[in-house]
Amino acid sequence: DNNLALKRSLIAFVLARLAQLHLERPWLNLAEATLLSEMALDY
């Protein structure tokens, strides 16, 4: 479904910006950073 793919892509964009913010000024805790890494690989 293309519409669902667009939603997922938008969410990936949001997460990418959140990850970028973490690199600039860390805000994720260890568990969250590990989880986000796994989510990126799985996606």
PDB file of all heavy atoms in Angstrom:
ATOM      1  N   ASP A   1       0.839  -1.195   0.000  1.00  0.00           N
ATOM      2  CA  ASP A   1       0.000   0.000   0.000  1.00  0.00           C
ATOM      3  C   ASP A   1       0.880   1.254   0.000  1.00  0.00           C
ATOM      4  O   ASP A   1       1.643   1.503   0.936  1.00  0.00           O
ATOM      5  CB  ASP A   1      -0.891  -0.019   1.246  1.00  0.00           C
ATOM      6  CG  ASP A   1      -1.931   1.088   1.237  1.00  0.00           C
ATOM      7  OD1 ASP A   1      -1.531   2.262   1.124  1.00  0.00           O
ATOM      8  OD2 ASP A   1      -3.126   0.777   1.347  1.00  0.00           O
ATOM      9  N   ASN A   2       0.773   2.042  -1.082  1.00  0.00           N
ATOM     10  CA  ASN A   2       1.613   3.227  -1.209  1.00  0.00           C
ATOM     11  C   ASN A   2       1.334   4.267  -0.134  1.00  0.00           C
ATOM     12  O   ASN A   2       2.249   4.952   0.351  1.00  0.00           O
ATOM     13  CB  ASN A   2       1.409   3.865  -2.586  1.00  0.00           C
ATOM     14  CG  ASN A   2       1.988   3.017  -3.698  1.00  0.00           C
ATOM     15  OD1 ASN A   2       2.744   2.085  -3.451  1.00  0.00           O
ATOM     16  ND2 ASN A   2       1.620   3.333  -4.921  1.00  0.00           N
ATOM     17  N   ASN A   3       0.067   4.430   0.238  1.00  0.00           N
ATOM     18  CA  ASN A   3      -0.273   5.428   1.254  1.00  0.00           C
ATOM     19  C   ASN A   3       0.354   5.085   2.604  1.00  0.00           C
ATOM     20  O   ASN A   3       0.860   5.965   3.311  1.00  0.00           O
ATOM     21  CB  ASN A   3      -1.792   5.538   1.397  1.00  0.00           C
ATOM     22  CG  ASN A   3      -2.431   6.216   0.205  1.00  0.00           C
ATOM     23  OD1 ASN A   3      -1.838   7.110  -0.396  1.00  0.00           O
ATOM     24  ND2 ASN A   3      -3.635   5.802  -0.139  1.00  0.00           N
ATOM     25  N   LEU A   4       0.324   3.804   2.959  1.00  0.00           N
ATOM     26  CA  LEU A   4       0.955   3.379   4.210  1.00  0.00           C
ATOM     27  C   LEU A   4       2.465   3.549   4.128  1.00  0.00           C
ATOM     28  O   LEU A   4       3.118   3.898   5.122  1.00  0.00           O
ATOM     29  CB  LEU A   4       0.590   1.931   4.519  1.00  0.00           C
ATOM     30  CG  LEU A   4      -0.872   1.667   4.877  1.00  0.00           C
ATOM     31  CD1 LEU A   4      -1.109   0.177   5.105  1.00  0.00           C
ATOM     32  CD2 LEU A   4      -1.279   2.456   6.110  1.00  0.00           C
ATOM     33  N   ALA A   5       3.023   3.316   2.946  1.00  0.00           N
ATOM     34  CA  ALA A   5       4.469   3.493   2.767  1.00  0.00           C
ATOM     35  C   ALA A   5       4.868   4.949   2.972  1.00  0.00           C
ATOM     36  O   ALA A   5       5.916   5.247   3.550  1.00  0.00           O
ATOM     37  CB  ALA A   5       4.893   3.014   1.385  1.00  0.00           C
ATOM     38  N   LEU A   6       4.030   5.870   2.504  1.00  0.00           N
ATOM     39  CA  LEU A   6       4.306   7.287   2.688  1.00  0.00           C
ATOM     40  C   LEU A   6       4.263   7.663   4.165  1.00  0.00           C
ATOM     41  O   LEU A   6       5.065   8.474   4.644  1.00  0.00           O
ATOM     42  CB  LEU A   6       3.308   8.123   1.894  1.00  0.00           C
ATOM     43  CG  LEU A   6       3.472   8.091   0.371  1.00  0.00           C
ATOM     44  CD1 LEU A   6       2.318   8.817  -0.300  1.00  0.00           C
ATOM     45  CD2 LEU A   6       4.798   8.702  -0.039  1.00  0.00           C
ATOM     46  N   LYS A   7       3.311   7.079   4.899  1.00  0.00           N
ATOM     47  CA  LYS A   7       3.241   7.331   6.338  1.00  0.00           C
ATOM     48  C   LYS A   7       4.503   6.827   7.032  1.00  0.00           C
ATOM     49  O   LYS A   7       5.086   7.512   7.882  1.00  0.00           O
ATOM     50  CB  LYS A   7       2.026   6.629   6.937  1.00  0.00           C
ATOM     51  CG  LYS A   7       0.678   7.195   6.525  1.00  0.00           C
ATOM     52  CD  LYS A   7      -0.439   6.423   7.227  1.00  0.00           C
ATOM     53  CE  LYS A   7      -1.806   6.890   6.795  1.00  0.00           C
ATOM     54  NZ  LYS A   7      -2.894   6.156   7.471  1.00  0.00           N
ATOM     55  N   ARG A   8       4.923   5.622   6.655  1.00  0.00           N
ATOM     56  CA  ARG A   8       6.135   5.063   7.263  1.00  0.00           C
ATOM     57  C   ARG A   8       7.350   5.930   6.944  1.00  0.00           C
ATOM     58  O   ARG A   8       8.208   6.169   7.800  1.00  0.00           O
ATOM     59  CB  ARG A   8       6.372   3.633   6.771  1.00  0.00           C
ATOM     60  CG  ARG A   8       5.342   2.623   7.231  1.00  0.00           C
ATOM     61  CD  ARG A   8       5.821   1.202   6.974  1.00  0.00           C
ATOM     62  NE  ARG A   8       6.065   0.925   5.557  1.00  0.00           N
ATOM     63  CZ  ARG A   8       5.137   0.505   4.699  1.00  0.00           C
ATOM     64  NH1 ARG A   8       3.892   0.332   5.112  1.00  0.00           N
ATOM     65  NH2 ARG A   8       5.451   0.253   3.440  1.00  0.00           N
ATOM     66  N   SER A   9       7.410   6.407   5.713  1.00  0.00           N
ATOM     67  CA  SER A   9       8.537   7.239   5.319  1.00  0.00           C
ATOM     68  C   SER A   9       8.559   8.544   6.102  1.00  0.00           C
ATOM     69  O   SER A   9       9.628   9.032   6.494  1.00  0.00           O
ATOM     70  CB  SER A   9       8.470   7.526   3.809  1.00  0.00           C
ATOM     71  OG  SER A   9       9.594   8.248   3.384  1.00  0.00           O
ATOM     72  N   LEU A  10       7.385   9.110   6.330  1.00  0.00           N
ATOM     73  CA  LEU A  10       7.304  10.336   7.129  1.00  0.00           C
ATOM     74  C   LEU A  10       7.760  10.072   8.559  1.00  0.00           C
ATOM     75  O   LEU A  10       8.482  10.882   9.155  1.00  0.00           O
ATOM     76  CB  LEU A  10       5.877  10.872   7.112  1.00  0.00           C
ATOM     77  CG  LEU A  10       5.619  12.184   7.869  1.00  0.00           C
ATOM     78  CD1 LEU A  10       6.576  13.280   7.397  1.00  0.00           C
ATOM     79  CD2 LEU A  10       4.173  12.630   7.683  1.00  0.00           C
ATOM     80  N   ILE A  11       7.371   8.932   9.112  1.00  0.00           N
ATOM     81  CA  ILE A  11       7.812   8.565  10.457  1.00  0.00           C
ATOM     82  C   ILE A  11       9.333   8.353  10.475  1.00  0.00           C
ATOM     83  O   ILE A  11      10.018   8.747  11.427  1.00  0.00           O
ATOM     84  CB  ILE A  11       7.086   7.301  10.942  1.00  0.00           C
ATOM     85  CG1 ILE A  11       5.593   7.580  11.154  1.00  0.00           C
ATOM     86  CG2 ILE A  11       7.705   6.792  12.246  1.00  0.00           C
ATOM     87  CD1 ILE A  11       5.291   8.628  12.201  1.00  0.00           C
ATOM     88  N   ALA A  12       9.871   7.732   9.418  1.00  0.00           N
ATOM     89  CA  ALA A  12      11.326   7.546   9.327  1.00  0.00           C
ATOM     90  C   ALA A  12      12.032   8.895   9.307  1.00  0.00           C
ATOM     91  O   ALA A  12      13.094   9.070   9.926  1.00  0.00           O
ATOM     92  CB  ALA A  12      11.682   6.736   8.085  1.00  0.00           C
ATOM     93  N   PHE A  13      11.440   9.861   8.613  1.00  0.00           N
ATOM     94  CA  PHE A  13      12.005  11.210   8.585  1.00  0.00           C
ATOM     95  C   PHE A  13      12.013  11.819   9.992  1.00  0.00           C
ATOM     96  O   PHE A  13      13.016  12.410  10.422  1.00  0.00           O
ATOM     97  CB  PHE A  13      11.197  12.097   7.636  1.00  0.00           C
ATOM     98  CG  PHE A  13      11.494  13.557   7.764  1.00  0.00           C
ATOM     99  CD1 PHE A  13      12.628  14.102   7.192  1.00  0.00           C
ATOM    100  CD2 PHE A  13      10.646  14.396   8.480  1.00  0.00           C
ATOM    101  CE1 PHE A  13      12.920  15.455   7.323  1.00  0.00           C
ATOM    102  CE2 PHE A  13      10.929  15.748   8.610  1.00  0.00           C
ATOM    103  CZ  PHE A  13      12.060  16.277   8.031  1.00  0.00           C
ATOM    104  N   VAL A  14      10.899  11.675  10.706  1.00  0.00           N
ATOM    105  CA  VAL A  14      10.804  12.203  12.072  1.00  0.00           C
ATOM    106  C   VAL A  14      11.860  11.560  12.965  1.00  0.00           C
ATOM    107  O   VAL A  14      12.568  12.249  13.721  1.00  0.00           O
ATOM    108  CB  VAL A  14       9.392  11.973  12.643  1.00  0.00           C
ATOM    109  CG1 VAL A  14       9.349  12.311  14.136  1.00  0.00           C
ATOM    110  CG2 VAL A  14       8.365  12.806  11.881  1.00  0.00           C
ATOM    111  N   LEU A  15      11.992  10.244  12.882  1.00  0.00           N
ATOM    112  CA  LEU A  15      12.970   9.541  13.706  1.00  0.00           C
ATOM    113  C   LEU A  15      14.394   9.928  13.326  1.00  0.00           C
ATOM    114  O   LEU A  15      15.275  10.015  14.192  1.00  0.00           O
ATOM    115  CB  LEU A  15      12.776   8.027  13.580  1.00  0.00           C
ATOM    116  CG  LEU A  15      11.523   7.459  14.240  1.00  0.00           C
ATOM    117  CD1 LEU A  15      11.375   5.976  13.922  1.00  0.00           C
ATOM    118  CD2 LEU A  15      11.556   7.671  15.755  1.00  0.00           C
ATOM    119  N   ALA A  16      14.637  10.151  12.036  1.00  0.00           N
ATOM    120  CA  ALA A  16      15.976  10.565  11.601  1.00  0.00           C
ATOM    121  C   ALA A  16      16.345  11.907  12.216  1.00  0.00           C
ATOM    122  O   ALA A  16      17.491  12.118  12.644  1.00  0.00           O
ATOM    123  CB  ALA A  16      16.037  10.634  10.076  1.00  0.00           C
ATOM    124  N   ARG A  17      15.380  12.827  12.265  1.00  0.00           N
ATOM    125  CA  ARG A  17      15.645  14.134  12.868  1.00  0.00           C
ATOM    126  C   ARG A  17      15.833  14.014  14.380  1.00  0.00           C
ATOM    127  O   ARG A  17      16.655  14.709  14.968  1.00  0.00           O
ATOM    128  CB  ARG A  17      14.508  15.107  12.536  1.00  0.00           C
ATOM    129  CG  ARG A  17      14.413  15.478  11.075  1.00  0.00           C
ATOM    130  CD  ARG A  17      15.681  16.165  10.552  1.00  0.00           C
ATOM    131  NE  ARG A  17      15.980  17.404  11.240  1.00  0.00           N
ATOM    132  CZ  ARG A  17      15.564  18.612  10.820  1.00  0.00           C
ATOM    133  NH1 ARG A  17      14.822  18.712   9.720  1.00  0.00           N
ATOM    134  NH2 ARG A  17      15.878  19.701  11.487  1.00  0.00           N
ATOM    135  N   LEU A  18      15.064  13.119  15.013  1.00  0.00           N
ATOM    136  CA  LEU A  18      15.248  12.890  16.446  1.00  0.00           C
ATOM    137  C   LEU A  18      16.644  12.316  16.720  1.00  0.00           C
ATOM    138  O   LEU A  18      17.302  12.688  17.698  1.00  0.00           O
ATOM    139  CB  LEU A  18      14.172  11.947  16.980  1.00  0.00           C
ATOM    140  CG  LEU A  18      12.753  12.510  17.073  1.00  0.00           C
ATOM    141  CD1 LEU A  18      11.774  11.414  17.494  1.00  0.00           C
ATOM    142  CD2 LEU A  18      12.686  13.679  18.064  1.00  0.00           C
ATOM    143  N   ALA A  19      17.083  11.406  15.854  1.00  0.00           N
ATOM    144  CA  ALA A  19      18.419  10.822  16.006  1.00  0.00           C
ATOM    145  C   ALA A  19      19.490  11.879  15.807  1.00  0.00           C
ATOM    146  O   ALA A  19      20.503  11.909  16.526  1.00  0.00           O
ATOM    147  CB  ALA A  19      18.603   9.681  15.012  1.00  0.00           C
ATOM    148  N   GLN A  20      19.281  12.757  14.847  1.00  0.00           N
ATOM    149  CA  GLN A  20      20.235  13.839  14.602  1.00  0.00           C
ATOM    150  C   GLN A  20      20.336  14.759  15.817  1.00  0.00           C
ATOM    151  O   GLN A  20      21.435  15.172  16.208  1.00  0.00           O
ATOM    152  CB  GLN A  20      19.801  14.641  13.380  1.00  0.00           C
ATOM    153  CG  GLN A  20      20.744  15.780  13.016  1.00  0.00           C
ATOM    154  CD  GLN A  20      20.260  16.571  11.815  1.00  0.00           C
ATOM    155  OE1 GLN A  20      19.367  16.164  11.094  1.00  0.00           O
ATOM    156  NE2 GLN A  20      20.853  17.734  11.616  1.00  0.00           N
ATOM    157  N   LEU A  21      19.197  15.069  16.422  1.00  0.00           N
ATOM    158  CA  LEU A  21      19.201  15.902  17.623  1.00  0.00           C
ATOM    159  C   LEU A  21      19.962  15.228  18.760  1.00  0.00           C
ATOM    160  O   LEU A  21      20.656  15.891  19.548  1.00  0.00           O
ATOM    161  CB  LEU A  21      17.770  16.221  18.056  1.00  0.00           C
ATOM    162  CG  LEU A  21      17.006  17.225  17.191  1.00  0.00           C
ATOM    163  CD1 LEU A  21      15.558  17.329  17.646  1.00  0.00           C
ATOM    164  CD2 LEU A  21      17.675  18.598  17.248  1.00  0.00           C
ATOM    165  N   HIS A  22      19.832  13.904  18.859  1.00  0.00           N
ATOM    166  CA  HIS A  22      20.549  13.165  19.902  1.00  0.00           C
ATOM    167  C   HIS A  22      22.056  13.270  19.696  1.00  0.00           C
ATOM    168  O   HIS A  22      22.819  13.359  20.665  1.00  0.00           O
ATOM    169  CB  HIS A  22      20.118  11.702  19.891  1.00  0.00           C
ATOM    170  CG  HIS A  22      20.855  10.847  20.882  1.00  0.00           C
ATOM    171  ND1 HIS A  22      20.728  11.004  22.248  1.00  0.00           N
ATOM    172  CD2 HIS A  22      21.751   9.837  20.708  1.00  0.00           C
ATOM    173  CE1 HIS A  22      21.500  10.129  22.870  1.00  0.00           C
ATOM    174  NE2 HIS A  22      22.128   9.420  21.963  1.00  0.00           N
ATOM    175  N   LEU A  23      22.484  13.260  18.425  1.00  0.00           N
ATOM    176  CA  LEU A  23      23.913  13.386  18.135  1.00  0.00           C
ATOM    177  C   LEU A  23      24.417  14.779  18.483  1.00  0.00           C
ATOM    178  O   LEU A  23      25.575  14.950  18.884  1.00  0.00           O
ATOM    179  CB  LEU A  23      24.179  13.080  16.653  1.00  0.00           C
ATOM    180  CG  LEU A  23      23.946  11.628  16.217  1.00  0.00           C
ATOM    181  CD1 LEU A  23      24.023  11.514  14.698  1.00  0.00           C
ATOM    182  CD2 LEU A  23      24.969  10.697  16.871  1.00  0.00           C
ATOM    183  N   GLU A  24      23.551  15.773  18.332  1.00  0.00           N
ATOM    184  CA  GLU A  24      23.947  17.160  18.600  1.00  0.00           C
ATOM    185  C   GLU A  24      23.914  17.481  20.085  1.00  0.00           C
ATOM    186  O   GLU A  24      24.803  18.178  20.592  1.00  0.00           O
ATOM    187  CB  GLU A  24      23.025  18.111  17.835  1.00  0.00           C
ATOM    188  CG  GLU A  24      23.144  17.987  16.315  1.00  0.00           C
ATOM    189  CD  GLU A  24      22.086  18.794  15.585  1.00  0.00           C
ATOM    190  OE1 GLU A  24      21.226  19.414  16.272  1.00  0.00           O
ATOM    191  OE2 GLU A  24      22.108  18.807  14.350  1.00  0.00           O
ATOM    192  N   ARG A  25      22.893  17.007  20.772  1.00  0.00           N
ATOM    193  CA  ARG A  25      22.758  17.219  22.217  1.00  0.00           C
ATOM    194  C   ARG A  25      22.009  16.016  22.795  1.00  0.00           C
ATOM    195  O   ARG A  25      20.787  15.963  22.770  1.00  0.00           O
ATOM    196  CB  ARG A  25      22.010  18.524  22.518  1.00  0.00           C
ATOM    197  CG  ARG A  25      20.720  18.731  21.747  1.00  0.00           C
ATOM    198  CD  ARG A  25      20.085  20.084  22.086  1.00  0.00           C
ATOM    199  NE  ARG A  25      18.859  20.338  21.337  1.00  0.00           N
ATOM    200  CZ  ARG A  25      17.637  20.017  21.746  1.00  0.00           C
ATOM    201  NH1 ARG A  25      17.485  19.425  22.922  1.00  0.00           N
ATOM    202  NH2 ARG A  25      16.578  20.287  21.007  1.00  0.00           N
ATOM    203  N   PRO A  26      22.749  15.030  23.295  1.00  0.00           N
ATOM    204  CA  PRO A  26      22.163  13.745  23.690  1.00  0.00           C
ATOM    205  C   PRO A  26      20.943  13.885  24.597  1.00  0.00           C
ATOM    206  O   PRO A  26      20.966  14.619  25.588  1.00  0.00           O
ATOM    207  CB  PRO A  26      23.310  13.053  24.431  1.00  0.00           C
ATOM    208  CG  PRO A  26      24.534  13.627  23.798  1.00  0.00           C
ATOM    209  CD  PRO A  26      24.197  15.067  23.521  1.00  0.00           C
ATOM    210  N   TRP A  27      19.877  13.168  24.220  1.00  0.00           N
ATOM    211  CA  TRP A  27      18.658  13.181  25.030  1.00  0.00           C
ATOM    212  C   TRP A  27      18.093  11.775  25.212  1.00  0.00           C
ATOM    213  O   TRP A  27      17.327  11.533  26.136  1.00  0.00           O
ATOM    214  CB  TRP A  27      17.594  14.079  24.390  1.00  0.00           C
ATOM    215  CG  TRP A  27      17.173  13.648  23.015  1.00  0.00           C
ATOM    216  CD1 TRP A  27      17.751  13.990  21.835  1.00  0.00           C
ATOM    217  CD2 TRP A  27      16.092  12.773  22.692  1.00  0.00           C
ATOM    218  NE1 TRP A  27      17.110  13.378  20.785  1.00  0.00           N
ATOM    219  CE2 TRP A  27      16.073  12.628  21.288  1.00  0.00           C
ATOM    220  CE3 TRP A  27      15.128  12.107  23.453  1.00  0.00           C
ATOM    221  CZ2 TRP A  27      15.142  11.832  20.617  1.00  0.00           C
ATOM    222  CZ3 TRP A  27      14.198  11.307  22.800  1.00  0.00           C
ATOM    223  CH2 TRP A  27      14.211  11.177  21.397  1.00  0.00           C
ATOM    224  N   LEU A  28      18.474  10.832  24.343  1.00  0.00           N
ATOM    225  CA  LEU A  28      18.017   9.452  24.492  1.00  0.00           C
ATOM    226  C   LEU A  28      18.790   8.766  25.621  1.00  0.00           C
ATOM    227  O   LEU A  28      19.998   8.980  25.777  1.00  0.00           O
ATOM    228  CB  LEU A  28      18.255   8.668  23.195  1.00  0.00           C
ATOM    229  CG  LEU A  28      17.411   9.006  21.973  1.00  0.00           C
ATOM    230  CD1 LEU A  28      18.043   8.416  20.722  1.00  0.00           C
ATOM    231  CD2 LEU A  28      15.981   8.503  22.140  1.00  0.00           C
ATOM    232  N   ASN A  29      18.096   7.925  26.392  1.00  0.00           N
ATOM    233  CA  ASN A  29      18.829   7.105  27.348  1.00  0.00           C
ATOM    234  C   ASN A  29      19.368   5.864  26.628  1.00  0.00           C
ATOM    235  O   ASN A  29      19.097   5.653  25.436  1.00  0.00           O
ATOM    236  CB  ASN A  29      17.957   6.734  28.559  1.00  0.00           C
ATOM    237  CG  ASN A  29      16.722   5.930  28.161  1.00  0.00           C
ATOM    238  OD1 ASN A  29      16.771   5.052  27.305  1.00  0.00           O
ATOM    239  ND2 ASN A  29      15.599   6.231  28.794  1.00  0.00           N
ATOM    240  N   LEU A  30      20.120   5.048  27.322  1.00  0.00           N
ATOM    241  CA  LEU A  30      20.767   3.895  26.699  1.00  0.00           C
ATOM    242  C   LEU A  30      19.759   2.951  26.053  1.00  0.00           C
ATOM    243  O   LEU A  30      19.932   2.506  24.907  1.00  0.00           O
ATOM    244  CB  LEU A  30      21.592   3.141  27.745  1.00  0.00           C
ATOM    245  CG  LEU A  30      22.241   1.830  27.277  1.00  0.00           C
ATOM    246  CD1 LEU A  30      23.221   2.097  26.150  1.00  0.00           C
ATOM    247  CD2 LEU A  30      22.955   1.146  28.448  1.00  0.00           C
ATOM    248  N   ALA A  31      18.677   2.657  26.766  1.00  0.00           N
ATOM    249  CA  ALA A  31      17.670   1.731  26.248  1.00  0.00           C
ATOM    250  C   ALA A  31      17.002   2.293  24.995  1.00  0.00           C
ATOM    251  O   ALA A  31      16.756   1.563  24.023  1.00  0.00           O
ATOM    252  CB  ALA A  31      16.626   1.432  27.323  1.00  0.00           C
ATOM    253  N   GLU A  32      16.703   3.588  25.005  1.00  0.00           N
ATOM    254  CA  GLU A  32      16.045   4.208  23.857  1.00  0.00           C
ATOM    255  C   GLU A  32      16.958   4.244  22.637  1.00  0.00           C
ATOM    256  O   GLU A  32      16.530   3.975  21.510  1.00  0.00           O
ATOM    257  CB  GLU A  32      15.595   5.620  24.218  1.00  0.00           C
ATOM    258  CG  GLU A  32      14.450   5.674  25.209  1.00  0.00           C
ATOM    259  CD  GLU A  32      14.204   7.080  25.715  1.00  0.00           C
ATOM    260  OE1 GLU A  32      15.157   7.878  25.770  1.00  0.00           O
ATOM    261  OE2 GLU A  32      13.042   7.381  26.071  1.00  0.00           O
ATOM    262  N   ALA A  33      18.221   4.588  22.848  1.00  0.00           N
ATOM    263  CA  ALA A  33      19.172   4.645  21.738  1.00  0.00           C
ATOM    264  C   ALA A  33      19.368   3.265  21.124  1.00  0.00           C
ATOM    265  O   ALA A  33      19.434   3.119  19.892  1.00  0.00           O
ATOM    266  CB  ALA A  33      20.508   5.201  22.220  1.00  0.00           C
ATOM    267  N   THR A  34      19.439   2.249  21.970  1.00  0.00           N
ATOM    268  CA  THR A  34      19.564   0.878  21.476  1.00  0.00           C
ATOM    269  C   THR A  34      18.326   0.477  20.690  1.00  0.00           C
ATOM    270  O   THR A  34      18.408  -0.127  19.611  1.00  0.00           O
ATOM    271  CB  THR A  34      19.785  -0.087  22.645  1.00  0.00           C
ATOM    272  OG1 THR A  34      20.970   0.282  23.350  1.00  0.00           O
ATOM    273  CG2 THR A  34      19.922  -1.520  22.154  1.00  0.00           C
ATOM    274  N   LEU A  35      17.158   0.822  21.220  1.00  0.00           N
ATOM    275  CA  LEU A  35      15.903   0.485  20.564  1.00  0.00           C
ATOM    276  C   LEU A  35      15.781   1.197  19.221  1.00  0.00           C
ATOM    277  O   LEU A  35      15.359   0.588  18.222  1.00  0.00           O
ATOM    278  CB  LEU A  35      14.738   0.875  21.468  1.00  0.00           C
ATOM    279  CG  LEU A  35      13.326   0.510  20.977  1.00  0.00           C
ATOM    280  CD1 LEU A  35      13.210  -0.981  20.710  1.00  0.00           C
ATOM    281  CD2 LEU A  35      12.291   0.951  22.005  1.00  0.00           C
ATOM    282  N   LEU A  36      16.150   2.457  19.150  1.00  0.00           N
ATOM    283  CA  LEU A  36      16.074   3.197  17.892  1.00  0.00           C
ATOM    284  C   LEU A  36      17.016   2.595  16.853  1.00  0.00           C
ATOM    285  O   LEU A  36      16.677   2.540  15.663  1.00  0.00           O
ATOM    286  CB  LEU A  36      16.400   4.667  18.131  1.00  0.00           C
ATOM    287  CG  LEU A  36      16.290   5.587  16.909  1.00  0.00           C
ATOM    288  CD1 LEU A  36      14.930   5.449  16.233  1.00  0.00           C
ATOM    289  CD2 LEU A  36      16.541   7.034  17.310  1.00  0.00           C
ATOM    290  N   SER A  37      18.172   2.145  17.283  1.00  0.00           N
ATOM    291  CA  SER A  37      19.098   1.483  16.369  1.00  0.00           C
ATOM    292  C   SER A  37      18.475   0.227  15.776  1.00  0.00           C
ATOM    293  O   SER A  37      18.568  -0.030  14.570  1.00  0.00           O
ATOM    294  CB  SER A  37      20.400   1.128  17.095  1.00  0.00           C
ATOM    295  OG  SER A  37      21.064   2.283  17.577  1.00  0.00           O
ATOM    296  N   GLU A  38      17.815  -0.548  16.623  1.00  0.00           N
ATOM    297  CA  GLU A  38      17.159  -1.774  16.152  1.00  0.00           C
ATOM    298  C   GLU A  38      16.003  -1.451  15.215  1.00  0.00           C
ATOM    299  O   GLU A  38      15.798  -2.140  14.199  1.00  0.00           O
ATOM    300  CB  GLU A  38      16.643  -2.575  17.355  1.00  0.00           C
ATOM    301  CG  GLU A  38      17.734  -3.176  18.229  1.00  0.00           C
ATOM    302  CD  GLU A  38      18.511  -4.258  17.504  1.00  0.00           C
ATOM    303  OE1 GLU A  38      17.892  -5.071  16.806  1.00  0.00           O
ATOM    304  OE2 GLU A  38      19.746  -4.259  17.627  1.00  0.00           O
ATOM    305  N   MET A  39      15.256  -0.413  15.526  1.00  0.00           N
ATOM    306  CA  MET A  39      14.137  -0.019  14.673  1.00  0.00           C
ATOM    307  C   MET A  39      14.622   0.386  13.284  1.00  0.00           C
ATOM    308  O   MET A  39      14.019   0.032  12.266  1.00  0.00           O
ATOM    309  CB  MET A  39      13.368   1.135  15.318  1.00  0.00           C
ATOM    310  CG  MET A  39      12.591   0.739  16.562  1.00  0.00           C
ATOM    311  SD  MET A  39      11.971   2.184  17.488  1.00  0.00           S
ATOM    312  CE  MET A  39      10.818   2.902  16.291  1.00  0.00           C
ATOM    313  N   ALA A  40      15.721   1.132  13.229  1.00  0.00           N
ATOM    314  CA  ALA A  40      16.265   1.569  11.942  1.00  0.00           C
ATOM    315  C   ALA A  40      16.694   0.379  11.096  1.00  0.00           C
ATOM    316  O   ALA A  40      16.405   0.311   9.890  1.00  0.00           O
ATOM    317  CB  ALA A  40      17.453   2.510  12.173  1.00  0.00           C
ATOM    318  N   LEU A  41      17.367  -0.569  11.708  1.00  0.00           N
ATOM    319  CA  LEU A  41      17.812  -1.764  10.987  1.00  0.00           C
ATOM    320  C   LEU A  41      16.627  -2.592  10.505  1.00  0.00           C
ATOM    321  O   LEU A  41      16.586  -3.036   9.350  1.00  0.00           O
ATOM    322  CB  LEU A  41      18.712  -2.612  11.893  1.00  0.00           C
ATOM    323  CG  LEU A  41      20.119  -2.073  12.137  1.00  0.00           C
ATOM    324  CD1 LEU A  41      20.763  -2.790  13.312  1.00  0.00           C
ATOM    325  CD2 LEU A  41      20.978  -2.205  10.892  1.00  0.00           C
ATOM    326  N   ASP A  42      15.650  -2.782  11.376  1.00  0.00           N
ATOM    327  CA  ASP A  42      14.481  -3.581  11.013  1.00  0.00           C
ATOM    328  C   ASP A  42      13.668  -2.919   9.904  1.00  0.00           C
ATOM    329  O   ASP A  42      13.179  -3.586   8.991  1.00  0.00           O
ATOM    330  CB  ASP A  42      13.593  -3.805  12.241  1.00  0.00           C
ATOM    331  CG  ASP A  42      14.207  -4.768  13.241  1.00  0.00           C
ATOM    332  OD1 ASP A  42      15.142  -5.492  12.868  1.00  0.00           O
ATOM    333  OD2 ASP A  42      13.761  -4.775  14.405  1.00  0.00           O
ATOM    334  N   TYR A  43      13.532  -1.593   9.984  1.00  0.00           N
ATOM    335  CA  TYR A  43      12.750  -0.893   8.958  1.00  0.00           C
ATOM    336  C   TYR A  43      13.401  -1.025   7.586  1.00  0.00           C
ATOM    337  O   TYR A  43      12.743  -1.341   6.598  1.00  0.00           O
ATOM    338  CB  TYR A  43      12.603   0.580   9.320  1.00  0.00           C
ATOM    339  CG  TYR A  43      11.966   1.386   8.216  1.00  0.00           C
ATOM    340  CD1 TYR A  43      10.629   1.194   7.863  1.00  0.00           C
ATOM    341  CD2 TYR A  43      12.700   2.329   7.493  1.00  0.00           C
ATOM    342  CE1 TYR A  43      10.045   1.910   6.827  1.00  0.00           C
ATOM    343  CE2 TYR A  43      12.121   3.054   6.463  1.00  0.00           C
ATOM    344  CZ  TYR A  43      10.795   2.838   6.136  1.00  0.00           C
ATOM    345  OH  TYR A  43      10.225   3.535   5.104  1.00  0.00           O
TER     346      TYR A  43
END
